[in-house]
Amino acid sequence: MNFQQLRSVRETVRSGFNLTEAAQTLRASQSGVSRQIRDLEQELGIELFVRSGKRLTGLTPPGDHLLPIIERVLAESRHLQQAGHAYLAQQQGVLSVAATHSQARYALPPAVQEFRLRFPGVRLHLHQGSPRQVAQMLQDGEADVGIATEALAGHAQLLALPCRCWRHAVIAPLGHPLLRATGPLTLAGLAAWPLITYDTGLSGRSRIDEAFEREGLAPEIVLAAMDADVIKTYVALGMGVGIVADLACDPVRDVQLGALDAGHLFGVNQTRIAVRRGGYMRSYVYAFIECFAPDLARPAIELAAAAANDA
């Protein structure tokens, strides 16, 4: 039994039992349609059509009973094909992700690797920028997903969800007095050294500035960089002490540097992942978010979106 046999029966009935017209609809020969019907009847062990010579004049009682089943089978085969196409569409396409340097360089690679294994048919485009630029790319439709610390939560057009926490770290060349100090790291002790940190608007820089201002301190910032790799390069050259996101500290790569936790000085920061509010999201977009933040599965995102819309 095959679908061509079932289509031959259906089109023959629809054409008023005119085999020539049914053959034209099926783009087959009249003898081919007749043979398909005969093969099906032999397989079922019953005659579906009343015959007068070589002409078909109507349905037999068994044929009348089986016709609705044939119609349902063919309808379900169309649904199956449509479902297959819909699933394939969810497995192929383009996903654009915008992220700050620290996120793109240190946090994203494992998620990207997992996503590419799960969705080899999706082309992944990565864009790098400041938190403000990431927010703008989302609003302009240039990115589907944005990942940053600051700025994302301040836009009504975006649904920005907290997904990870991180702290600042102070880095210095091995043997630096700050690394050898026995007491806790203080802002005053830190301000005594030339500092190298992020440019304004990047990776919690506002928290750094606010902390020093509260203590009435004005540290000498000798270099404000766009990414942690630049900061680490010039710290290693002895230009100053660095303040970076702790996720940027890599003891395997940064063999010339030591690091101190500075969370007690500058507080805990939150990484946020954002999408445009009200936009259509393919299933692989939800999957990418979950690769990066396992707690943000699709139901959690949809619940947060509904709550935000209600608010």
C-alpha atoms as a PDB file:
ATOM      1  CA  MET A   1       0.000   0.000   0.000  1.00  0.00           C
ATOM      2  CA  ASN A   2       1.298   3.462  -0.870  1.00  0.00           C
ATOM      3  CA  PHE A   3       0.108   7.045  -0.986  1.00  0.00           C
ATOM      4  CA  GLN A   4      -0.128   7.047  -4.797  1.00  0.00           C
ATOM      5  CA  GLN A   5      -2.719   4.284  -4.607  1.00  0.00           C
ATOM      6  CA  LEU A   6      -4.724   6.246  -2.039  1.00  0.00           C
ATOM      7  CA  ARG A   7      -4.503   9.427  -4.139  1.00  0.00           C
ATOM      8  CA  SER A   8      -5.713   7.504  -7.187  1.00  0.00           C
ATOM      9  CA  VAL A   9      -8.837   6.406  -5.287  1.00  0.00           C
ATOM     10  CA  ARG A  10      -9.505   9.891  -3.912  1.00  0.00           C
ATOM     11  CA  GLU A  11      -9.066  11.723  -7.219  1.00  0.00           C
ATOM     12  CA  THR A  12     -11.165   9.167  -9.066  1.00  0.00           C
ATOM     13  CA  VAL A  13     -14.050   9.817  -6.680  1.00  0.00           C
ATOM     14  CA  ARG A  14     -13.521  13.603  -6.866  1.00  0.00           C
ATOM     15  CA  SER A  15     -13.574  13.516 -10.680  1.00  0.00           C
ATOM     16  CA  GLY A  16     -16.968  11.753 -10.720  1.00  0.00           C
ATOM     17  CA  PHE A  17     -15.336   8.383 -11.499  1.00  0.00           C
ATOM     18  CA  ASN A  18     -13.773   9.787 -14.668  1.00  0.00           C
ATOM     19  CA  LEU A  19     -10.369   8.100 -14.929  1.00  0.00           C
ATOM     20  CA  THR A  20      -9.169  10.464 -17.664  1.00  0.00           C
ATOM     21  CA  GLU A  21      -9.794  13.523 -15.489  1.00  0.00           C
ATOM     22  CA  ALA A  22      -8.302  11.827 -12.424  1.00  0.00           C
ATOM     23  CA  ALA A  23      -5.175  10.957 -14.420  1.00  0.00           C
ATOM     24  CA  GLN A  24      -4.791  14.590 -15.520  1.00  0.00           C
ATOM     25  CA  THR A  25      -5.039  15.780 -11.910  1.00  0.00           C
ATOM     26  CA  LEU A  26      -2.450  13.224 -10.801  1.00  0.00           C
ATOM     27  CA  ARG A  27      -0.270  13.880 -13.876  1.00  0.00           C
ATOM     28  CA  ALA A  28      -0.316  10.194 -14.675  1.00  0.00           C
ATOM     29  CA  SER A  29      -1.670   7.956 -17.419  1.00  0.00           C
ATOM     30  CA  GLN A  30      -5.200   6.605 -17.260  1.00  0.00           C
ATOM     31  CA  SER A  31      -3.863   3.048 -17.303  1.00  0.00           C
ATOM     32  CA  GLY A  32      -1.484   3.944 -14.483  1.00  0.00           C
ATOM     33  CA  VAL A  33      -4.345   5.232 -12.303  1.00  0.00           C
ATOM     34  CA  SER A  34      -6.408   2.163 -13.076  1.00  0.00           C
ATOM     35  CA  ARG A  35      -3.477  -0.083 -12.152  1.00  0.00           C
ATOM     36  CA  GLN A  36      -2.925   1.737  -8.831  1.00  0.00           C
ATOM     37  CA  ILE A  37      -6.577   1.181  -7.928  1.00  0.00           C
ATOM     38  CA  ARG A  38      -6.448  -2.495  -8.911  1.00  0.00           C
ATOM     39  CA  ASP A  39      -3.252  -3.070  -6.886  1.00  0.00           C
ATOM     40  CA  LEU A  40      -4.849  -1.517  -3.800  1.00  0.00           C
ATOM     41  CA  GLU A  41      -8.022  -3.574  -4.205  1.00  0.00           C
ATOM     42  CA  GLN A  42      -5.962  -6.757  -4.494  1.00  0.00           C
ATOM     43  CA  GLU A  43      -3.988  -5.859  -1.380  1.00  0.00           C
ATOM     44  CA  LEU A  44      -7.145  -5.112   0.606  1.00  0.00           C
ATOM     45  CA  GLY A  45      -9.005  -8.105  -0.789  1.00  0.00           C
ATOM     46  CA  ILE A  46     -12.097  -6.048  -1.721  1.00  0.00           C
ATOM     47  CA  GLU A  47     -13.402  -4.061  -4.659  1.00  0.00           C
ATOM     48  CA  LEU A  48     -13.692  -0.336  -4.000  1.00  0.00           C
ATOM     49  CA  PHE A  49     -15.511   0.658  -7.209  1.00  0.00           C
ATOM     50  CA  VAL A  50     -18.573  -0.541  -9.082  1.00  0.00           C
ATOM     51  CA  ARG A  51     -17.614  -1.270 -12.691  1.00  0.00           C
ATOM     52  CA  SER A  52     -19.505  -1.356 -15.920  1.00  0.00           C
ATOM     53  CA  GLY A  53     -17.114  -2.862 -18.409  1.00  0.00           C
ATOM     54  CA  LYS A  54     -13.972  -0.740 -18.184  1.00  0.00           C
ATOM     55  CA  ARG A  55     -15.845   2.232 -16.703  1.00  0.00           C
ATOM     56  CA  LEU A  56     -16.145   3.031 -13.011  1.00  0.00           C
ATOM     57  CA  THR A  57     -19.651   4.051 -12.060  1.00  0.00           C
ATOM     58  CA  GLY A  58     -19.582   4.376  -8.274  1.00  0.00           C
ATOM     59  CA  LEU A  59     -18.270   3.149  -4.939  1.00  0.00           C
ATOM     60  CA  THR A  60     -19.058  -0.258  -3.568  1.00  0.00           C
ATOM     61  CA  PRO A  61     -20.251  -0.410   0.072  1.00  0.00           C
ATOM     62  CA  PRO A  62     -16.696  -1.306   1.238  1.00  0.00           C
ATOM     63  CA  GLY A  63     -15.351   1.534  -0.889  1.00  0.00           C
ATOM     64  CA  ASP A  64     -17.850   3.959   0.608  1.00  0.00           C
ATOM     65  CA  HIS A  65     -16.803   2.808   4.081  1.00  0.00           C
ATOM     66  CA  LEU A  66     -13.054   3.143   3.408  1.00  0.00           C
ATOM     67  CA  LEU A  67     -13.112   6.472   1.538  1.00  0.00           C
ATOM     68  CA  PRO A  68     -13.215   8.651   4.731  1.00  0.00           C
ATOM     69  CA  ILE A  69     -10.274   6.669   6.110  1.00  0.00           C
ATOM     70  CA  ILE A  70      -8.330   7.242   2.889  1.00  0.00           C
ATOM     71  CA  GLU A  71      -9.111  10.973   3.095  1.00  0.00           C
ATOM     72  CA  ARG A  72      -7.889  11.095   6.705  1.00  0.00           C
ATOM     73  CA  VAL A  73      -4.677   9.220   5.900  1.00  0.00           C
ATOM     74  CA  LEU A  74      -3.867  11.616   3.060  1.00  0.00           C
ATOM     75  CA  ALA A  75      -4.718  14.638   5.195  1.00  0.00           C
ATOM     76  CA  GLU A  76      -2.468  13.373   7.984  1.00  0.00           C
ATOM     77  CA  SER A  77       0.318  12.776   5.467  1.00  0.00           C
ATOM     78  CA  ARG A  78       0.087  16.463   4.519  1.00  0.00           C
ATOM     79  CA  HIS A  79       0.189  17.418   8.189  1.00  0.00           C
ATOM     80  CA  LEU A  80       3.219  15.187   8.661  1.00  0.00           C
ATOM     81  CA  GLN A  81       4.991  16.839   5.747  1.00  0.00           C
ATOM     82  CA  GLN A  82       4.117  20.304   7.043  1.00  0.00           C
ATOM     83  CA  ALA A  83       5.357  19.385  10.518  1.00  0.00           C
ATOM     84  CA  GLY A  84       8.601  18.133   9.014  1.00  0.00           C
ATOM     85  CA  HIS A  85       9.078  21.372   7.088  1.00  0.00           C
ATOM     86  CA  ALA A  86       8.262  23.415  10.187  1.00  0.00           C
ATOM     87  CA  TYR A  87      10.791  21.463  12.240  1.00  0.00           C
ATOM     88  CA  LEU A  88      13.420  21.865   9.550  1.00  0.00           C
ATOM     89  CA  ALA A  89      12.778  25.608   9.513  1.00  0.00           C
ATOM     90  CA  GLN A  90      13.458  25.666  13.247  1.00  0.00           C
ATOM     91  CA  GLN A  91      16.783  23.889  12.647  1.00  0.00           C
ATOM     92  CA  GLN A  92      18.032  26.265   9.962  1.00  0.00           C
ATOM     93  CA  GLY A  93      18.478  29.998   9.712  1.00  0.00           C
ATOM     94  CA  VAL A  94      20.635  32.779  11.111  1.00  0.00           C
ATOM     95  CA  LEU A  95      21.145  33.740  14.752  1.00  0.00           C
ATOM     96  CA  SER A  96      22.819  37.071  15.535  1.00  0.00           C
ATOM     97  CA  VAL A  97      24.260  37.520  19.015  1.00  0.00           C
ATOM     98  CA  ALA A  98      25.685  40.806  20.299  1.00  0.00           C
ATOM     99  CA  ALA A  99      27.898  40.768  23.372  1.00  0.00           C
ATOM    100  CA  THR A 100      30.494  42.818  25.189  1.00  0.00           C
ATOM    101  CA  HIS A 101      34.131  41.812  24.835  1.00  0.00           C
ATOM    102  CA  SER A 102      34.384  40.042  28.188  1.00  0.00           C
ATOM    103  CA  GLN A 103      31.264  37.990  27.505  1.00  0.00           C
ATOM    104  CA  ALA A 104      32.274  37.161  23.925  1.00  0.00           C
ATOM    105  CA  ARG A 105      35.846  36.323  24.880  1.00  0.00           C
ATOM    106  CA  TYR A 106      35.388  34.428  28.148  1.00  0.00           C
ATOM    107  CA  ALA A 107      31.758  33.454  28.790  1.00  0.00           C
ATOM    108  CA  LEU A 108      30.305  32.682  25.366  1.00  0.00           C
ATOM    109  CA  PRO A 109      32.653  30.054  23.836  1.00  0.00           C
ATOM    110  CA  PRO A 110      31.239  27.004  25.712  1.00  0.00           C
ATOM    111  CA  ALA A 111      27.660  28.046  24.855  1.00  0.00           C
ATOM    112  CA  VAL A 112      28.567  28.646  21.217  1.00  0.00           C
ATOM    113  CA  GLN A 113      30.263  25.252  20.992  1.00  0.00           C
ATOM    114  CA  GLU A 114      27.243  23.453  22.460  1.00  0.00           C
ATOM    115  CA  PHE A 115      24.806  25.375  20.245  1.00  0.00           C
ATOM    116  CA  ARG A 116      26.719  24.599  17.051  1.00  0.00           C
ATOM    117  CA  LEU A 117      26.691  20.896  17.885  1.00  0.00           C
ATOM    118  CA  ARG A 118      22.925  20.983  18.452  1.00  0.00           C
ATOM    119  CA  PHE A 119      22.053  23.228  15.487  1.00  0.00           C
ATOM    120  CA  PRO A 120      24.598  22.717  12.700  1.00  0.00           C
ATOM    121  CA  GLY A 121      22.148  24.210  10.188  1.00  0.00           C
ATOM    122  CA  VAL A 122      21.988  27.595  11.954  1.00  0.00           C
ATOM    123  CA  ARG A 123      24.541  30.227  10.936  1.00  0.00           C
ATOM    124  CA  LEU A 124      25.738  32.037  14.030  1.00  0.00           C
ATOM    125  CA  HIS A 125      26.800  35.687  13.703  1.00  0.00           C
ATOM    126  CA  LEU A 126      28.603  37.290  16.656  1.00  0.00           C
ATOM    127  CA  HIS A 127      28.822  41.058  17.121  1.00  0.00           C
ATOM    128  CA  GLN A 128      30.954  42.778  19.742  1.00  0.00           C
ATOM    129  CA  GLY A 129      30.295  46.157  21.300  1.00  0.00           C
ATOM    130  CA  SER A 130      29.786  48.185  24.434  1.00  0.00           C
ATOM    131  CA  PRO A 131      26.647  47.538  26.517  1.00  0.00           C
ATOM    132  CA  ARG A 132      25.051  50.610  24.921  1.00  0.00           C
ATOM    133  CA  GLN A 133      25.901  49.340  21.444  1.00  0.00           C
ATOM    134  CA  VAL A 134      24.567  45.886  22.287  1.00  0.00           C
ATOM    135  CA  ALA A 135      21.252  47.432  23.370  1.00  0.00           C
ATOM    136  CA  GLN A 136      21.101  49.486  20.188  1.00  0.00           C
ATOM    137  CA  MET A 137      21.772  46.463  17.976  1.00  0.00           C
ATOM    138  CA  LEU A 138      18.885  44.663  19.655  1.00  0.00           C
ATOM    139  CA  GLN A 139      16.521  47.588  19.199  1.00  0.00           C
ATOM    140  CA  ASP A 140      17.537  48.041  15.557  1.00  0.00           C
ATOM    141  CA  GLY A 141      16.965  44.363  14.805  1.00  0.00           C
ATOM    142  CA  GLU A 142      20.626  43.745  14.008  1.00  0.00           C
ATOM    143  CA  ALA A 143      20.875  41.208  16.833  1.00  0.00           C
ATOM    144  CA  ASP A 144      18.448  38.566  18.098  1.00  0.00           C
ATOM    145  CA  VAL A 145      20.125  38.123  21.490  1.00  0.00           C
ATOM    146  CA  GLY A 146      22.219  40.576  23.498  1.00  0.00           C
ATOM    147  CA  ILE A 147      24.535  39.807  26.412  1.00  0.00           C
ATOM    148  CA  ALA A 148      25.994  42.530  28.614  1.00  0.00           C
ATOM    149  CA  THR A 149      26.139  43.760  32.196  1.00  0.00           C
ATOM    150  CA  GLU A 150      24.917  47.327  32.052  1.00  0.00           C
ATOM    151  CA  ALA A 151      22.441  49.230  29.889  1.00  0.00           C
ATOM    152  CA  LEU A 152      20.229  46.323  28.813  1.00  0.00           C
ATOM    153  CA  ALA A 153      17.810  46.675  31.726  1.00  0.00           C
ATOM    154  CA  GLY A 154      17.171  50.349  30.997  1.00  0.00           C
ATOM    155  CA  HIS A 155      15.244  49.929  27.737  1.00  0.00           C
ATOM    156  CA  ALA A 156      11.485  49.384  27.672  1.00  0.00           C
ATOM    157  CA  GLN A 157      11.724  47.730  24.253  1.00  0.00           C
ATOM    158  CA  LEU A 158      13.907  44.944  25.618  1.00  0.00           C
ATOM    159  CA  LEU A 159      13.240  41.989  27.869  1.00  0.00           C
ATOM    160  CA  ALA A 160      16.485  41.799  29.855  1.00  0.00           C
ATOM    161  CA  LEU A 161      16.838  38.816  32.187  1.00  0.00           C
ATOM    162  CA  PRO A 162      19.588  38.372  34.800  1.00  0.00           C
ATOM    163  CA  CYS A 163      21.432  35.160  34.139  1.00  0.00           C
ATOM    164  CA  ARG A 164      24.872  35.207  35.794  1.00  0.00           C
ATOM    165  CA  CYS A 165      26.701  37.018  38.576  1.00  0.00           C
ATOM    166  CA  TRP A 166      30.328  38.098  38.532  1.00  0.00           C
ATOM    167  CA  ARG A 167      32.733  40.211  40.584  1.00  0.00           C
ATOM    168  CA  HIS A 168      35.697  42.407  39.834  1.00  0.00           C
ATOM    169  CA  ALA A 169      39.252  41.230  40.349  1.00  0.00           C
ATOM    170  CA  VAL A 170      42.443  43.219  40.821  1.00  0.00           C
ATOM    171  CA  ILE A 171      45.360  41.967  38.766  1.00  0.00           C
ATOM    172  CA  ALA A 172      49.052  42.805  39.062  1.00  0.00           C
ATOM    173  CA  PRO A 173      52.388  41.347  37.970  1.00  0.00           C
ATOM    174  CA  LEU A 174      53.621  38.480  40.112  1.00  0.00           C
ATOM    175  CA  GLY A 175      55.579  39.806  43.083  1.00  0.00           C
ATOM    176  CA  HIS A 176      53.685  43.107  43.203  1.00  0.00           C
ATOM    177  CA  PRO A 177      53.297  44.504  46.751  1.00  0.00           C
ATOM    178  CA  LEU A 178      49.492  44.332  46.527  1.00  0.00           C
ATOM    179  CA  LEU A 179      49.697  40.591  45.979  1.00  0.00           C
ATOM    180  CA  ARG A 180      52.048  40.149  48.942  1.00  0.00           C
ATOM    181  CA  ALA A 181      50.015  42.261  51.393  1.00  0.00           C
ATOM    182  CA  THR A 182      48.743  40.330  54.420  1.00  0.00           C
ATOM    183  CA  GLY A 183      45.691  42.476  55.156  1.00  0.00           C
ATOM    184  CA  PRO A 184      42.498  42.750  53.135  1.00  0.00           C
ATOM    185  CA  LEU A 185      42.511  44.718  49.892  1.00  0.00           C
ATOM    186  CA  THR A 186      41.201  48.262  50.413  1.00  0.00           C
ATOM    187  CA  LEU A 187      40.176  51.064  48.100  1.00  0.00           C
ATOM    188  CA  ALA A 188      42.771  53.356  49.643  1.00  0.00           C
ATOM    189  CA  GLY A 189      45.488  50.798  49.080  1.00  0.00           C
ATOM    190  CA  LEU A 190      44.339  50.329  45.509  1.00  0.00           C
ATOM    191  CA  ALA A 191      44.161  54.076  44.816  1.00  0.00           C
ATOM    192  CA  ALA A 192      47.821  54.399  45.757  1.00  0.00           C
ATOM    193  CA  TRP A 193      48.769  52.738  42.472  1.00  0.00           C
ATOM    194  CA  PRO A 194      48.228  53.768  38.818  1.00  0.00           C
ATOM    195  CA  LEU A 195      45.141  51.900  37.620  1.00  0.00           C
ATOM    196  CA  ILE A 196      44.208  50.300  34.326  1.00  0.00           C
ATOM    197  CA  THR A 197      40.561  49.366  33.887  1.00  0.00           C
ATOM    198  CA  TYR A 198      37.620  49.461  31.509  1.00  0.00           C
ATOM    199  CA  ASP A 199      36.452  52.452  29.573  1.00  0.00           C
ATOM    200  CA  THR A 200      33.369  54.293  30.823  1.00  0.00           C
ATOM    201  CA  GLY A 201      30.194  52.255  30.302  1.00  0.00           C
ATOM    202  CA  LEU A 202      31.943  48.876  30.157  1.00  0.00           C
ATOM    203  CA  SER A 203      31.834  45.884  32.512  1.00  0.00           C
ATOM    204  CA  GLY A 204      30.799  47.542  35.745  1.00  0.00           C
ATOM    205  CA  ARG A 205      33.000  50.631  35.350  1.00  0.00           C
ATOM    206  CA  SER A 206      30.283  52.720  36.995  1.00  0.00           C
ATOM    207  CA  ARG A 207      30.546  50.560  40.142  1.00  0.00           C
ATOM    208  CA  ILE A 208      34.300  51.157  40.254  1.00  0.00           C
ATOM    209  CA  ASP A 209      33.881  54.930  39.954  1.00  0.00           C
ATOM    210  CA  GLU A 210      31.082  55.038  42.520  1.00  0.00           C
ATOM    211  CA  ALA A 211      33.095  53.032  45.064  1.00  0.00           C
ATOM    212  CA  PHE A 212      36.055  55.414  44.908  1.00  0.00           C
ATOM    213  CA  GLU A 213      33.789  58.464  45.007  1.00  0.00           C
ATOM    214  CA  ARG A 214      32.065  57.227  48.178  1.00  0.00           C
ATOM    215  CA  GLU A 215      35.453  57.046  49.875  1.00  0.00           C
ATOM    216  CA  GLY A 216      36.473  60.474  48.574  1.00  0.00           C
ATOM    217  CA  LEU A 217      39.282  58.957  46.531  1.00  0.00           C
ATOM    218  CA  ALA A 218      40.466  60.050  43.080  1.00  0.00           C
ATOM    219  CA  PRO A 219      42.643  57.255  41.690  1.00  0.00           C
ATOM    220  CA  GLU A 220      44.935  57.836  38.743  1.00  0.00           C
ATOM    221  CA  ILE A 221      43.546  55.847  35.836  1.00  0.00           C
ATOM    222  CA  VAL A 222      46.424  55.732  33.374  1.00  0.00           C
ATOM    223  CA  LEU A 223      44.599  53.639  30.777  1.00  0.00           C
ATOM    224  CA  ALA A 224      40.901  53.002  30.116  1.00  0.00           C
ATOM    225  CA  ALA A 225      40.562  50.096  27.688  1.00  0.00           C
ATOM    226  CA  MET A 226      37.742  48.523  25.728  1.00  0.00           C
ATOM    227  CA  ASP A 227      38.569  44.949  26.704  1.00  0.00           C
ATOM    228  CA  ALA A 228      40.277  42.890  29.365  1.00  0.00           C
ATOM    229  CA  ASP A 229      43.012  41.552  27.092  1.00  0.00           C
ATOM    230  CA  VAL A 230      44.364  45.077  26.562  1.00  0.00           C
ATOM    231  CA  ILE A 231      44.218  45.720  30.307  1.00  0.00           C
ATOM    232  CA  LYS A 232      46.140  42.519  31.056  1.00  0.00           C
ATOM    233  CA  THR A 233      48.747  43.304  28.409  1.00  0.00           C
ATOM    234  CA  TYR A 234      49.665  46.650  29.958  1.00  0.00           C
ATOM    235  CA  VAL A 235      49.452  45.361  33.513  1.00  0.00           C
ATOM    236  CA  ALA A 236      52.013  42.714  32.541  1.00  0.00           C
ATOM    237  CA  LEU A 237      54.239  45.529  31.199  1.00  0.00           C
ATOM    238  CA  GLY A 238      54.164  47.162  34.636  1.00  0.00           C
ATOM    239  CA  MET A 239      52.168  50.210  33.569  1.00  0.00           C
ATOM    240  CA  GLY A 240      49.725  49.865  36.462  1.00  0.00           C
ATOM    241  CA  VAL A 241      47.398  47.661  38.490  1.00  0.00           C
ATOM    242  CA  GLY A 242      44.371  46.312  36.628  1.00  0.00           C
ATOM    243  CA  ILE A 243      40.716  46.014  37.565  1.00  0.00           C
ATOM    244  CA  VAL A 244      38.872  43.496  35.392  1.00  0.00           C
ATOM    245  CA  ALA A 245      35.884  41.171  35.515  1.00  0.00           C
ATOM    246  CA  ASP A 246      36.815  37.991  37.353  1.00  0.00           C
ATOM    247  CA  LEU A 247      35.658  35.896  34.411  1.00  0.00           C
ATOM    248  CA  ALA A 248      38.539  37.435  32.431  1.00  0.00           C
ATOM    249  CA  CYS A 249      41.136  35.966  34.803  1.00  0.00           C
ATOM    250  CA  ASP A 250      42.724  32.854  33.352  1.00  0.00           C
ATOM    251  CA  PRO A 251      45.544  31.404  35.483  1.00  0.00           C
ATOM    252  CA  VAL A 252      46.570  29.095  32.638  1.00  0.00           C
ATOM    253  CA  ARG A 253      47.108  31.931  30.154  1.00  0.00           C
ATOM    254  CA  ASP A 254      47.935  34.768  32.557  1.00  0.00           C
ATOM    255  CA  VAL A 255      51.062  33.168  33.984  1.00  0.00           C
ATOM    256  CA  GLN A 256      52.716  36.563  34.559  1.00  0.00           C
ATOM    257  CA  LEU A 257      49.832  37.916  36.622  1.00  0.00           C
ATOM    258  CA  GLY A 258      48.292  37.357  40.013  1.00  0.00           C
ATOM    259  CA  ALA A 259      44.690  38.171  40.912  1.00  0.00           C
ATOM    260  CA  LEU A 260      42.811  39.292  44.024  1.00  0.00           C
ATOM    261  CA  ASP A 261      39.065  39.157  44.538  1.00  0.00           C
ATOM    262  CA  ALA A 262      37.614  42.682  44.709  1.00  0.00           C
ATOM    263  CA  GLY A 263      33.953  41.831  45.094  1.00  0.00           C
ATOM    264  CA  HIS A 264      33.912  43.313  48.611  1.00  0.00           C
ATOM    265  CA  LEU A 265      35.054  46.649  47.135  1.00  0.00           C
ATOM    266  CA  PHE A 266      32.881  46.945  44.052  1.00  0.00           C
ATOM    267  CA  GLY A 267      29.929  44.641  44.718  1.00  0.00           C
ATOM    268  CA  VAL A 268      28.358  41.873  42.693  1.00  0.00           C
ATOM    269  CA  ASN A 269      27.491  42.522  39.043  1.00  0.00           C
ATOM    270  CA  GLN A 270      24.822  40.807  36.990  1.00  0.00           C
ATOM    271  CA  THR A 271      25.148  39.681  33.418  1.00  0.00           C
ATOM    272  CA  ARG A 272      21.868  40.112  31.562  1.00  0.00           C
ATOM    273  CA  ILE A 273      20.680  38.420  28.415  1.00  0.00           C
ATOM    274  CA  ALA A 274      18.128  40.352  26.392  1.00  0.00           C
ATOM    275  CA  VAL A 275      15.781  40.005  23.437  1.00  0.00           C
ATOM    276  CA  ARG A 276      13.322  42.397  21.833  1.00  0.00           C
ATOM    277  CA  ARG A 277       9.940  42.460  23.494  1.00  0.00           C
ATOM    278  CA  GLY A 278       7.071  41.081  21.463  1.00  0.00           C
ATOM    279  CA  GLY A 279       9.338  39.703  18.740  1.00  0.00           C
ATOM    280  CA  TYR A 280       8.943  36.229  17.265  1.00  0.00           C
ATOM    281  CA  MET A 281      11.603  33.852  18.539  1.00  0.00           C
ATOM    282  CA  ARG A 282      12.426  30.622  16.761  1.00  0.00           C
ATOM    283  CA  SER A 283      13.046  27.600  18.906  1.00  0.00           C
ATOM    284  CA  TYR A 284      16.793  27.757  18.316  1.00  0.00           C
ATOM    285  CA  VAL A 285      16.887  31.247  19.866  1.00  0.00           C
ATOM    286  CA  TYR A 286      15.444  29.811  23.079  1.00  0.00           C
ATOM    287  CA  ALA A 287      17.938  26.959  22.806  1.00  0.00           C
ATOM    288  CA  PHE A 288      20.899  29.338  22.510  1.00  0.00           C
ATOM    289  CA  ILE A 289      19.793  31.264  25.591  1.00  0.00           C
ATOM    290  CA  GLU A 290      19.532  28.012  27.522  1.00  0.00           C
ATOM    291  CA  CYS A 291      23.020  26.981  26.357  1.00  0.00           C
ATOM    292  CA  PHE A 292      24.377  30.199  27.850  1.00  0.00           C
ATOM    293  CA  ALA A 293      22.126  30.290  30.924  1.00  0.00           C
ATOM    294  CA  PRO A 294      20.712  26.808  31.755  1.00  0.00           C
ATOM    295  CA  ASP A 295      18.217  28.285  34.238  1.00  0.00           C
ATOM    296  CA  LEU A 296      16.570  30.274  31.435  1.00  0.00           C
ATOM    297  CA  ALA A 297      14.683  27.516  29.653  1.00  0.00           C
ATOM    298  CA  ARG A 298      11.894  28.467  27.269  1.00  0.00           C
ATOM    299  CA  PRO A 299       9.056  28.305  29.837  1.00  0.00           C
ATOM    300  CA  ALA A 300      10.979  30.650  32.154  1.00  0.00           C
ATOM    301  CA  ILE A 301      11.538  33.161  29.347  1.00  0.00           C
ATOM    302  CA  GLU A 302       7.899  33.047  28.247  1.00  0.00           C
ATOM    303  CA  LEU A 303       6.751  33.498  31.848  1.00  0.00           C
ATOM    304  CA  ALA A 304       9.062  36.496  32.292  1.00  0.00           C
ATOM    305  CA  ALA A 305       7.838  38.003  29.022  1.00  0.00           C
ATOM    306  CA  ALA A 306       4.204  37.618  30.077  1.00  0.00           C
ATOM    307  CA  ALA A 307       4.911  39.183  33.474  1.00  0.00           C
ATOM    308  CA  ALA A 308       6.731  42.097  31.819  1.00  0.00           C
ATOM    309  CA  ASN A 309       3.840  42.684  29.434  1.00  0.00           C
ATOM    310  CA  ASP A 310       1.361  42.680  32.317  1.00  0.00           C
ATOM    311  CA  ALA A 311       3.506  45.162  34.217  1.00  0.00           C
END
